Structure formats: structure tokens, C-alpha cells
Amino acid sequence: MKDKRQTSSKTNTAAGSPPANNQSPSKKGGGVIGGLALFIALGASAVSAYLYTELQKFRSQTSTLVESSTSELKTGVETDLDSVKSQVSGLDGQLQTLSEGLQTITGKLDTTTEELSGKLTQLGEDLQSKTQAAVTDVASNTAAAVQELTSKTESEINSLSSDVVAGREALQQEVATKFSDMEQSVNQLGADVSSTREIATRGQREWILAEVEYLLRTGGHRVTLAGDTKSAVLALRAASDRLHDLGDSRYSAVRAQIAEEVAELRQVGTPDIEGVAFELQKLSKRADNLPLPRSELAKAVEQVKEDPSELDAKAMAGQFLQSLKDMVKVEKSDGTPLVRPGKPTREQLTASEALRLNLQAARLSALRRDQETYLIHMDSAENYVRENYEQDDSVTQAYLEDLAALKAQKIVPQVSKLGQALSLFTDIHSQRGEN
């Protein structure tokens, strides 16, 4: 603070005394600045004096507070020390009491230990005397029992020795007898095994040959009865594999023939039975549209001439018109016939029913893969159409062409070599006497 005062004094002095070199007259603004500087210096001095006074007050208050706190803390510490000293003195008294009690207990333990030691010594002496007496009694009893047991054991050993000798001789005799019987059984078993092996081998061979014959027959049946060339090929291949497993060279020719039949079956196509049946069904539906012969009109006219009373004018006119309709052809622009409108006549229905029966029978024969019966019914249907319908009509001609095309269809695959492998196998099998 003294430094600040000195600085302020110096400042005031400096501010109050103008510099020496300013002796010349100055402007009016220089006086205002000097007054302002003097005012600031006085304010700074006043603030410094106020701050110094406040700092002195703060120092005195702080000193008083520290002294009061220190005295209170000292008083509290002294009080705590007195309390601890009183507690320590109390603990010393308790330790003294415990020490005296421990000495008392130690004395009692020593007395009790001496008493127990005397009692244990007395008990040991009593136990030793009793044990000695018991050992003496047991020794005397054991000696008598051992002597008695020894005599009994010797007699039993002698008896057992004689029994063992007799049993050994009987056992040796029994073992010798059983060994002889077992040797005979082993020899018989060996003979039976050899016979069984021979029978099993022969039975297995016969089984393979029977399986081959079955497969060959199955292959032929699948072709002739079902038209199934794929299953037939599989059956023939299986038969060839079984002959290969048999390992008999005399059946090599059969395997070669099987290979030829398989090759031929691969080249033959499977008949389209479903397609044939569908076409026959369409022909059966078209039967109602076939035209009857035109000679029916002449027959009707002759019947009227012979007996006019049997047919009136209306009926004759209707029959005449129907005959005219039958003579009229309705065709497309390309020349193919159209189905005539209207319902078929009674005569057409009667004729078509018989034709449909033949076609239905042919269809069933096709589904059964019966080539011979199929051809018979197709011939019958063709002959029926030729005999009962107008042959010059394009509808009839187209119908006959479709019948001929279906008649040429093969219901069963035609395999020329099928069955030759079976015949060759049967011949070789019969020559070897295995049938």
C-alpha cells in the first residue's frame, strides 16, 4: 500500500508540475486533459485507500477466527485423550482379573490331570491282569480244539483220498467213452456237411436255371401279351446276367441269342394301343353318317306298284324325299365330305349298331394285345361296310380308308427272333438231364 501511495504521489506530482519544456503557451485543449488526468489520479488514490482499509479488516477477522478454532480443537483433543486414558485404565483392571482367573483354572487343571493319571494307571493294571487270564484260557481251549480238529481232518482226508481215487477212475472211464462217441459224431457231422454242401450247390444251380427260364418266358410274354418291349429287354438282360453268374460255358450260345433278341427289341417301336383305341372310337361315332345304298328307292317304288294299299301317299312321299337326301352330296370347298345335318334314319341306326359292335370288339382286342382277334373284327367291320352302305359315296370311301389304315396297325410288336433263346436254353437244359 505504501508503494501504491508513493506511486500515486509521484503521479500527482508529475501531473501537477508541468514539464519544463512546456514553458511556452499551450492550447486550450491541453488544460482540459491535465484536469482529467488529475481527476483520475485522485480517484485511484481514493480507491487504493479504501482497499487497504478493507484488507486490514479481513486480516483481523481471519486471525480471530483461527485463534478461536484452534482453542476449540485443542480443548476437544484433550477431552478425547482423557476419555481414552480412562478406558485404558479400565482395560488394565479387566486384564488383571482375567489373569487371576486363568491362574485359578490352571491350578484346577493340574489337579484334575493328576487324578486322571492315577485312575488310568489303575485301569491299565486291571486290564493287563484280565487280559493275561483270558489269553491263558484261550490258549488252553485252542490247543484242545486244534488237537480235536486235527484228528477229524486226518480221518476226513483219508476218506476223501479213497473217494477221489475211485472217482478219478470212474471219470477217466466216462471221459474215454464220451470222447469216443464225440469222435464218431464229428465224423458223421463232416459227412453230413459235405452232403449238405453238395445238395446246396446243386439246389442253387437249379434255382438259377429255373430263374433264367422264368425270365426268358417273362420277356416273351411282355411282348406278345402287353406289347411292352422295355420290360422284355430288362427281363432278357437279367436272364443273361444270371447265366453269367452261373459260369457254365455251355450256355454261351443262349447268351448270344439273348443279345440278338435284345438288339431287335430295341429297334422295334412300341405300338400305340391307346391311339388305335381312340381312332376306333371315332370311327364308331362316324358310323351313323354312312349313307345307305341308293337301291332302297327302287325297292320302295316296286313295293308300291305291287301293293299300293300297303303304303299311303304320305309315307311314299316321305320315303322318296329321304332317298333324294341320300343321293345329295354335301362337300367342303376342298372336296372332303361334310356330315349331313339332321338325325340319322332308322335304317342308318340299325346298320351302324352292327358296325359299332364290330368296332367295339376290335377295340377290346387291341387293348388286350390280341393281334389275331383284332384282325378278325376289323375284317368283319370292313366287309359289313362294303355290304351295307353306298360304295360310291365319298363318305363311305373315306371311312373304308380309315378302316384299312387301322387294320394295318400292329397291336403286338413283330419280333422274328423272339423266343429262340428260350428254345435253345430248353434244349441244352434237357440234354444235360437237369430238367
Protein backbone atom coordinates (compact mmCIF):
# COMPACT_ATOMS: atom_id res chain seq x y z
CA MET A 1 0.00 0.00 0.00
CA LYS A 2 2.91 2.28 0.76
CA ASP A 3 4.26 1.61 -2.70
CA LYS A 4 0.87 2.47 -4.21
CA ARG A 5 0.74 5.70 -2.21
CA GLN A 6 4.19 6.66 -3.29
CA THR A 7 3.27 5.87 -6.86
CA SER A 8 0.13 7.98 -6.54
CA SER A 9 2.10 10.85 -5.03
CA LYS A 10 4.60 10.62 -7.82
CA THR A 11 1.81 10.54 -10.30
CA ASN A 12 0.12 13.51 -8.72
CA THR A 13 3.39 15.38 -8.61
CA ALA A 14 4.04 14.54 -12.19
CA ALA A 15 0.56 15.55 -13.16
CA GLY A 16 0.65 18.78 -11.13
CA SER A 17 4.00 20.00 -12.31
CA PRO A 18 4.10 20.65 -15.99
CA PRO A 19 7.20 19.73 -17.87
CA ALA A 20 10.00 22.23 -18.11
CA ASN A 21 9.98 22.30 -21.81
CA ASN A 22 6.33 23.39 -21.87
CA GLN A 23 7.06 26.90 -20.71
CA SER A 24 5.61 28.18 -23.95
CA PRO A 25 1.91 28.96 -24.13
CA SER A 26 -0.25 25.84 -24.88
CA LYS A 27 -3.52 25.39 -26.49
CA LYS A 28 -6.86 25.41 -24.68
CA GLY A 29 -7.31 21.64 -25.04
CA GLY A 30 -4.14 20.90 -23.06
CA GLY A 31 -5.68 22.28 -19.84
CA VAL A 32 -8.71 20.01 -20.10
CA ILE A 33 -6.56 16.91 -20.49
CA GLY A 34 -4.45 17.92 -17.50
CA GLY A 35 -7.56 18.34 -15.33
CA LEU A 36 -8.90 14.98 -16.42
CA ALA A 37 -5.61 13.30 -15.57
CA LEU A 38 -5.62 14.92 -12.14
CA PHE A 39 -9.18 13.68 -11.51
CA ILE A 40 -8.27 10.12 -12.45
CA ALA A 41 -5.23 10.20 -10.15
CA LEU A 42 -7.32 11.39 -7.22
CA GLY A 43 -9.91 8.64 -7.84
CA ALA A 44 -7.22 6.00 -7.96
CA SER A 45 -5.81 7.24 -4.65
CA ALA A 46 -9.24 7.07 -3.00
CA VAL A 47 -9.84 3.52 -4.26
CA SER A 48 -6.42 2.41 -3.04
CA ALA A 49 -7.09 3.82 0.43
CA TYR A 50 -10.46 2.03 0.60
CA LEU A 51 -8.98 -1.29 -0.47
CA TYR A 52 -6.20 -1.05 2.10
CA THR A 53 -8.73 -0.39 4.89
CA GLU A 54 -10.85 -3.41 3.89
CA LEU A 55 -7.76 -5.64 3.70
CA GLN A 56 -6.79 -4.73 7.26
CA LYS A 57 -10.30 -5.60 8.48
CA PHE A 58 -10.18 -9.00 6.71
CA ARG A 59 -6.81 -9.82 8.26
CA SER A 60 -8.05 -9.03 11.79
CA GLN A 61 -11.21 -11.14 11.32
CA THR A 62 -9.24 -14.08 9.91
CA SER A 63 -6.77 -14.02 12.80
CA THR A 64 -9.61 -14.00 15.37
CA LEU A 65 -11.38 -16.94 13.65
CA VAL A 66 -8.18 -19.04 13.50
CA GLU A 67 -7.42 -18.45 17.20
CA SER A 68 -10.97 -19.46 18.29
CA SER A 69 -10.93 -22.60 16.12
CA THR A 70 -7.52 -23.63 17.41
CA SER A 71 -8.59 -23.27 21.05
CA GLU A 72 -11.77 -25.31 20.49
CA LEU A 73 -9.86 -28.08 18.68
CA LYS A 74 -7.26 -28.21 21.44
CA THR A 75 -9.98 -28.48 24.10
CA GLY A 76 -11.71 -31.33 22.21
CA VAL A 77 -8.47 -33.26 21.71
CA GLU A 78 -7.60 -33.00 25.41
CA THR A 79 -11.11 -34.27 26.32
CA ASP A 80 -10.73 -37.26 23.97
CA LEU A 81 -7.30 -38.08 25.40
CA ASP A 82 -8.71 -38.09 28.94
CA SER A 83 -11.51 -40.45 27.85
CA VAL A 84 -9.04 -42.83 26.17
CA LYS A 85 -6.83 -42.85 29.26
CA SER A 86 -9.81 -43.74 31.48
CA GLN A 87 -10.78 -46.59 29.10
CA VAL A 88 -7.21 -47.93 29.03
CA SER A 89 -7.09 -47.96 32.84
CA GLY A 90 -10.38 -49.91 32.88
CA LEU A 91 -8.96 -52.47 30.41
CA ASP A 92 -5.88 -52.90 32.61
CA GLY A 93 -8.16 -53.83 35.52
CA GLN A 94 -10.05 -56.34 33.40
CA LEU A 95 -6.80 -57.92 32.19
CA GLN A 96 -5.66 -58.27 35.79
CA THR A 97 -8.93 -60.02 36.69
CA LEU A 98 -8.64 -62.37 33.69
CA SER A 99 -5.06 -63.24 34.60
CA GLU A 100 -6.07 -64.18 38.14
CA GLY A 101 -8.96 -66.35 36.80
CA LEU A 102 -6.61 -68.09 34.35
CA GLN A 103 -4.18 -68.95 37.12
CA THR A 104 -7.06 -70.47 39.11
CA ILE A 105 -8.19 -72.59 36.14
CA THR A 106 -4.60 -73.74 35.51
CA GLY A 107 -4.34 -74.97 39.08
CA LYS A 108 -7.59 -76.88 38.80
CA LEU A 109 -6.46 -78.48 35.52
CA ASP A 110 -3.22 -79.66 37.08
CA THR A 111 -5.15 -81.26 39.94
CA THR A 112 -7.59 -82.97 37.57
CA THR A 113 -4.74 -84.24 35.35
CA GLU A 114 -3.02 -85.86 38.30
CA GLU A 115 -6.27 -87.56 39.34
CA LEU A 116 -6.90 -88.87 35.80
CA SER A 117 -3.34 -90.16 35.51
CA GLY A 118 -3.75 -92.21 38.67
CA LYS A 119 -7.06 -93.66 37.51
CA LEU A 120 -5.63 -94.56 34.08
CA THR A 121 -2.69 -96.31 35.68
CA GLN A 122 -5.03 -98.36 37.85
CA LEU A 123 -7.23 -99.26 34.86
CA GLY A 124 -4.18 -100.35 32.84
CA GLU A 125 -3.03 -102.67 35.57
CA ASP A 126 -6.53 -104.20 35.90
CA LEU A 127 -6.83 -104.65 32.13
CA GLN A 128 -3.43 -106.30 31.87
CA SER A 129 -4.27 -108.82 34.57
CA LYS A 130 -7.63 -109.65 32.97
CA THR A 131 -6.06 -109.94 29.51
CA GLN A 132 -3.39 -112.32 30.81
CA ALA A 133 -6.06 -114.53 32.35
CA ALA A 134 -8.15 -114.51 29.16
CA VAL A 135 -5.13 -115.34 26.99
CA THR A 136 -4.29 -118.26 29.23
CA ASP A 137 -7.87 -119.62 28.96
CA VAL A 138 -7.98 -119.17 25.17
CA ALA A 139 -4.61 -120.85 24.74
CA SER A 140 -5.71 -123.90 26.69
CA ASN A 141 -9.05 -124.11 24.83
CA THR A 142 -7.39 -123.57 21.44
CA ALA A 143 -4.87 -126.32 21.99
CA ALA A 144 -7.65 -128.80 22.77
CA ALA A 145 -9.73 -127.65 19.78
CA VAL A 146 -6.75 -127.82 17.42
CA GLN A 147 -5.92 -131.31 18.52
CA GLU A 148 -9.53 -132.43 18.04
CA LEU A 149 -9.77 -130.71 14.64
CA THR A 150 -6.50 -132.25 13.52
CA SER A 151 -7.71 -135.74 14.30
CA LYS A 152 -11.00 -135.14 12.45
CA THR A 153 -9.21 -133.63 9.45
CA GLU A 154 -6.85 -136.57 9.15
CA SER A 155 -9.77 -139.02 9.15
CA GLU A 156 -11.68 -136.98 6.56
CA ILE A 157 -8.58 -136.66 4.35
CA ASN A 158 -8.09 -140.40 4.41
CA SER A 159 -11.76 -140.92 3.48
CA LEU A 160 -11.60 -138.32 0.73
CA SER A 161 -8.42 -139.81 -0.72
CA SER A 162 -10.10 -143.14 -1.26
CA ASP A 163 -13.18 -141.44 -2.75
CA VAL A 164 -11.03 -139.30 -5.05
CA VAL A 165 -9.15 -142.31 -6.37
CA ALA A 166 -12.40 -144.12 -7.10
CA GLY A 167 -13.99 -141.01 -8.69
CA ARG A 168 -10.92 -140.36 -10.83
CA GLU A 169 -11.02 -143.85 -12.26
CA ALA A 170 -14.75 -143.57 -12.98
CA LEU A 171 -14.29 -140.12 -14.54
CA GLN A 172 -11.46 -141.32 -16.77
CA GLN A 173 -13.61 -144.18 -17.97
CA GLU A 174 -16.55 -141.80 -18.65
CA VAL A 175 -14.33 -139.29 -20.48
CA ALA A 176 -12.89 -142.00 -22.67
CA THR A 177 -16.38 -143.22 -23.57
CA LYS A 178 -17.66 -139.70 -24.34
CA PHE A 179 -14.56 -138.88 -26.38
CA SER A 180 -15.12 -141.97 -28.50
CA ASP A 181 -18.76 -141.04 -29.03
CA MET A 182 -17.82 -137.45 -29.85
CA GLU A 183 -15.25 -138.57 -32.40
CA GLN A 184 -17.89 -140.66 -34.13
CA SER A 185 -20.31 -137.69 -34.07
CA VAL A 186 -17.68 -135.39 -35.58
CA ASN A 187 -17.02 -137.83 -38.39
CA GLN A 188 -20.75 -138.15 -39.08
CA LEU A 189 -21.14 -134.36 -38.96
CA GLY A 190 -18.34 -133.93 -41.51
CA ALA A 191 -20.06 -136.36 -43.83
CA ASP A 192 -23.38 -134.54 -43.37
CA VAL A 193 -21.76 -131.17 -44.07
CA SER A 194 -20.22 -132.46 -47.29
CA SER A 195 -23.56 -133.88 -48.37
CA THR A 196 -25.37 -130.67 -47.45
CA ARG A 197 -22.84 -128.54 -49.35
CA GLU A 198 -23.30 -130.71 -52.42
CA ILE A 199 -27.10 -130.50 -52.16
CA ALA A 200 -26.97 -126.73 -51.60
CA THR A 201 -24.70 -126.21 -54.59
CA ARG A 202 -26.91 -128.34 -56.79
CA GLY A 203 -30.03 -126.61 -55.47
CA GLN A 204 -28.55 -123.17 -56.11
CA ARG A 205 -27.64 -124.14 -59.66
CA GLU A 206 -31.13 -125.47 -60.32
CA TRP A 207 -32.59 -122.31 -58.82
CA ILE A 208 -30.51 -120.11 -61.15
CA LEU A 209 -31.52 -122.19 -64.19
CA ALA A 210 -35.19 -122.01 -63.19
CA GLU A 211 -34.85 -118.25 -62.74
CA VAL A 212 -33.30 -117.91 -66.20
CA GLU A 213 -36.15 -119.89 -67.79
CA TYR A 214 -38.71 -117.74 -65.96
CA LEU A 215 -37.06 -114.51 -67.13
CA LEU A 216 -36.92 -115.71 -70.75
CA ARG A 217 -40.59 -116.65 -70.68
CA THR A 218 -41.49 -113.36 -68.99
CA GLY A 219 -39.69 -111.39 -71.72
CA GLY A 220 -41.70 -113.16 -74.43
CA HIS A 221 -44.98 -112.70 -72.59
CA ARG A 222 -44.38 -108.98 -72.05
CA VAL A 223 -44.02 -108.53 -75.81
CA THR A 224 -46.82 -110.81 -77.01
CA LEU A 225 -49.38 -110.07 -74.29
CA ALA A 226 -48.63 -106.48 -73.28
CA GLY A 227 -46.54 -105.10 -76.14
CA ASP A 228 -44.05 -103.89 -73.52
CA THR A 229 -40.64 -104.03 -75.18
CA LYS A 230 -38.85 -102.16 -72.37
CA SER A 231 -39.80 -104.71 -69.71
CA ALA A 232 -38.93 -107.52 -72.12
CA VAL A 233 -35.44 -106.08 -72.63
CA LEU A 234 -34.93 -105.84 -68.86
CA ALA A 235 -36.07 -109.45 -68.35
CA LEU A 236 -33.78 -110.78 -71.12
CA ARG A 237 -30.81 -108.84 -69.74
CA ALA A 238 -31.47 -110.23 -66.26
CA ALA A 239 -31.53 -113.77 -67.70
CA SER A 240 -28.19 -113.16 -69.42
CA ASP A 241 -26.69 -111.85 -66.17
CA ARG A 242 -27.85 -114.94 -64.26
CA LEU A 243 -26.25 -117.22 -66.87
CA HIS A 244 -23.05 -115.21 -66.49
CA ASP A 245 -23.17 -115.74 -62.70
CA LEU A 246 -23.68 -119.48 -63.29
CA GLY A 247 -20.35 -119.66 -65.11
CA ASP A 248 -21.31 -122.58 -67.40
CA SER A 249 -19.78 -122.16 -70.86
CA ARG A 250 -22.36 -124.48 -72.44
CA TYR A 251 -24.93 -121.70 -72.09
CA SER A 252 -22.81 -119.17 -74.01
CA ALA A 253 -24.91 -119.73 -77.15
CA VAL A 254 -28.03 -118.83 -75.17
CA ARG A 255 -26.46 -115.55 -74.06
CA ALA A 256 -25.52 -114.76 -77.66
CA GLN A 257 -29.10 -115.40 -78.80
CA ILE A 258 -30.40 -113.19 -75.96
CA ALA A 259 -28.15 -110.37 -77.19
CA GLU A 260 -29.65 -110.65 -80.70
CA GLU A 261 -33.20 -110.57 -79.33
CA VAL A 262 -32.41 -107.51 -77.20
CA ALA A 263 -30.95 -105.71 -80.22
CA GLU A 264 -34.06 -106.48 -82.28
CA LEU A 265 -36.40 -105.34 -79.50
CA ARG A 266 -34.57 -102.02 -79.31
CA GLN A 267 -35.25 -101.41 -83.00
CA VAL A 268 -38.95 -102.29 -82.76
CA GLY A 269 -41.20 -99.42 -81.71
CA THR A 270 -43.83 -99.77 -79.04
CA PRO A 271 -47.35 -99.98 -80.57
CA ASP A 272 -49.63 -97.03 -79.87
CA ILE A 273 -52.51 -99.04 -78.40
CA GLU A 274 -54.19 -96.00 -76.90
CA GLY A 275 -54.09 -94.20 -80.25
CA VAL A 276 -55.63 -97.19 -82.05
CA ALA A 277 -58.41 -97.43 -79.45
CA PHE A 278 -59.11 -93.70 -79.79
CA GLU A 279 -59.33 -93.90 -83.60
CA LEU A 280 -61.68 -96.90 -83.38
CA GLN A 281 -63.90 -94.93 -81.04
CA LYS A 282 -64.05 -92.06 -83.54
CA LEU A 283 -64.95 -94.48 -86.35
CA SER A 284 -67.72 -95.87 -84.16
CA LYS A 285 -69.18 -92.37 -83.75
CA ARG A 286 -68.99 -91.74 -87.53
CA ALA A 287 -70.94 -94.91 -88.33
CA ASP A 288 -74.28 -93.09 -88.13
CA ASN A 289 -73.24 -90.81 -91.01
CA LEU A 290 -72.56 -93.57 -93.55
CA PRO A 291 -75.04 -93.47 -96.49
CA LEU A 292 -77.27 -96.46 -97.21
CA PRO A 293 -77.39 -97.96 -100.74
CA ARG A 294 -79.48 -95.96 -103.27
CA SER A 295 -81.32 -99.08 -104.43
CA GLU A 296 -83.70 -98.67 -101.50
CA LEU A 297 -85.69 -96.10 -103.50
CA ALA A 298 -86.27 -98.57 -106.31
CA LYS A 299 -87.36 -101.18 -103.80
CA ALA A 300 -89.88 -98.81 -102.34
CA VAL A 301 -91.29 -97.95 -105.77
CA GLU A 302 -91.63 -101.62 -106.69
CA GLN A 303 -93.37 -102.31 -103.38
CA VAL A 304 -95.90 -99.59 -104.13
CA LYS A 305 -96.52 -100.96 -107.61
CA GLU A 306 -97.12 -104.47 -106.32
CA ASP A 307 -99.37 -103.50 -103.39
CA PRO A 308 -100.37 -99.82 -103.27
CA SER A 309 -102.57 -100.41 -100.24
CA GLU A 310 -99.59 -101.14 -98.03
CA LEU A 311 -98.08 -97.66 -98.40
CA ASP A 312 -100.09 -94.49 -98.47
CA ALA A 313 -99.14 -91.41 -100.43
CA LYS A 314 -97.71 -89.54 -97.43
CA ALA A 315 -95.39 -92.37 -96.46
CA MET A 316 -94.27 -92.83 -100.04
CA ALA A 317 -93.55 -89.14 -100.37
CA GLY A 318 -91.51 -89.15 -97.16
CA GLN A 319 -89.52 -92.15 -98.30
CA PHE A 320 -88.96 -90.53 -101.66
CA LEU A 321 -87.65 -87.34 -100.07
CA GLN A 322 -85.34 -89.32 -97.80
CA SER A 323 -83.95 -91.15 -100.81
CA LEU A 324 -83.35 -87.84 -102.52
CA LYS A 325 -81.45 -86.61 -99.46
CA ASP A 326 -79.28 -89.71 -99.57
CA MET A 327 -78.43 -89.01 -103.19
CA VAL A 328 -77.36 -85.43 -102.45
CA LYS A 329 -73.68 -84.91 -101.56
CA VAL A 330 -72.56 -82.01 -99.37
CA GLU A 331 -68.84 -81.32 -99.60
CA LYS A 332 -66.36 -78.66 -98.47
CA SER A 333 -64.52 -76.46 -100.93
CA ASP A 334 -61.57 -78.88 -100.88
CA GLY A 335 -63.80 -81.87 -101.78
CA THR A 336 -63.97 -83.53 -98.33
CA PRO A 337 -67.48 -84.65 -97.33
CA LEU A 338 -69.45 -82.85 -94.65
CA VAL A 339 -71.64 -84.53 -92.08
CA ARG A 340 -75.25 -84.23 -93.19
CA PRO A 341 -77.45 -82.18 -90.86
CA GLY A 342 -80.30 -83.80 -89.03
CA LYS A 343 -80.74 -87.11 -87.23
CA PRO A 344 -79.86 -90.42 -88.93
CA THR A 345 -82.70 -92.60 -90.19
CA ARG A 346 -83.88 -95.76 -88.50
CA GLU A 347 -82.19 -97.86 -91.17
CA GLN A 348 -78.89 -96.00 -90.63
CA LEU A 349 -79.10 -96.52 -86.88
CA THR A 350 -79.78 -100.23 -87.29
CA ALA A 351 -76.88 -100.67 -89.67
CA SER A 352 -74.50 -98.55 -87.56
CA GLU A 353 -75.26 -100.55 -84.41
CA ALA A 354 -73.97 -103.74 -86.02
CA LEU A 355 -70.91 -101.87 -87.31
CA ARG A 356 -70.24 -100.38 -83.90
CA LEU A 357 -70.33 -103.83 -82.30
CA ASN A 358 -67.55 -105.00 -84.63
CA LEU A 359 -65.52 -101.85 -83.95
CA GLN A 360 -66.00 -102.20 -80.19
CA ALA A 361 -64.85 -105.83 -80.33
CA ALA A 362 -61.78 -104.77 -82.33
CA ARG A 363 -61.06 -102.04 -79.76
CA LEU A 364 -61.19 -104.53 -76.88
CA SER A 365 -58.90 -106.90 -78.80
CA ALA A 366 -56.43 -104.06 -79.30
CA LEU A 367 -56.45 -103.25 -75.60
CA ARG A 368 -55.81 -106.95 -74.86
CA ARG A 369 -52.94 -107.00 -77.41
CA ASP A 370 -54.70 -109.83 -79.31
CA GLN A 371 -53.49 -109.29 -82.86
CA GLU A 372 -55.38 -112.23 -84.40
CA THR A 373 -58.78 -111.38 -82.92
CA TYR A 374 -58.21 -107.72 -83.75
CA LEU A 375 -57.73 -108.53 -87.43
CA ILE A 376 -60.84 -110.76 -87.47
CA HIS A 377 -63.08 -107.99 -86.14
CA MET A 378 -61.52 -105.37 -88.42
CA ASP A 379 -62.16 -107.62 -91.45
CA SER A 380 -65.73 -108.14 -90.29
CA ALA A 381 -66.26 -104.37 -89.93
CA GLU A 382 -64.77 -103.70 -93.36
CA ASN A 383 -66.93 -106.36 -95.03
CA TYR A 384 -70.00 -105.01 -93.26
CA VAL A 385 -69.37 -101.50 -94.60
CA ARG A 386 -68.87 -102.84 -98.13
CA GLU A 387 -72.09 -104.86 -98.00
CA ASN A 388 -74.47 -102.42 -96.26
CA TYR A 389 -73.51 -98.91 -97.38
CA GLU A 390 -73.24 -96.97 -100.63
CA GLN A 391 -69.77 -97.68 -102.04
CA ASP A 392 -69.69 -94.79 -104.49
CA ASP A 393 -70.23 -92.22 -101.75
CA SER A 394 -67.11 -90.28 -100.69
CA VAL A 395 -68.08 -90.64 -97.02
CA THR A 396 -68.04 -94.43 -97.34
CA GLN A 397 -64.76 -94.41 -99.25
CA ALA A 398 -63.07 -92.21 -96.60
CA TYR A 399 -64.45 -94.49 -93.90
CA LEU A 400 -63.03 -97.59 -95.64
CA GLU A 401 -59.63 -95.89 -95.99
CA ASP A 402 -59.55 -95.16 -92.27
CA LEU A 403 -60.55 -98.76 -91.53
CA ALA A 404 -57.74 -100.07 -93.74
CA ALA A 405 -55.20 -97.79 -92.04
CA LEU A 406 -56.21 -99.02 -88.58
CA LYS A 407 -56.28 -102.62 -89.78
CA ALA A 408 -52.63 -102.28 -90.82
CA GLN A 409 -51.63 -101.18 -87.31
CA LYS A 410 -49.55 -103.72 -85.35
CA ILE A 411 -51.04 -104.39 -81.94
CA VAL A 412 -48.16 -106.63 -80.90
CA PRO A 413 -44.51 -105.86 -81.80
CA GLN A 414 -43.30 -108.18 -84.54
CA VAL A 415 -40.01 -109.68 -83.37
CA SER A 416 -38.83 -112.55 -85.56
CA LYS A 417 -36.13 -113.82 -83.18
CA LEU A 418 -38.18 -113.59 -80.00
CA GLY A 419 -38.39 -116.97 -78.25
CA GLN A 420 -35.35 -118.53 -79.92
CA ALA A 421 -33.20 -118.02 -76.81
CA LEU A 422 -35.82 -119.82 -74.71
CA SER A 423 -35.95 -122.76 -77.13
CA LEU A 424 -32.15 -123.03 -77.19
CA PHE A 425 -31.96 -122.86 -73.40
CA THR A 426 -34.60 -125.59 -73.05
CA ASP A 427 -32.72 -127.87 -75.47
CA ILE A 428 -29.38 -127.50 -73.65
CA HIS A 429 -31.05 -127.90 -70.28
CA SER A 430 -32.81 -131.10 -71.38
CA GLN A 431 -29.65 -132.61 -72.93
CA ARG A 432 -27.78 -132.21 -69.63
CA GLY A 433 -30.51 -134.06 -67.77
CA GLU A 434 -31.21 -131.13 -65.42
CA ASN A 435 -34.85 -130.82 -66.30
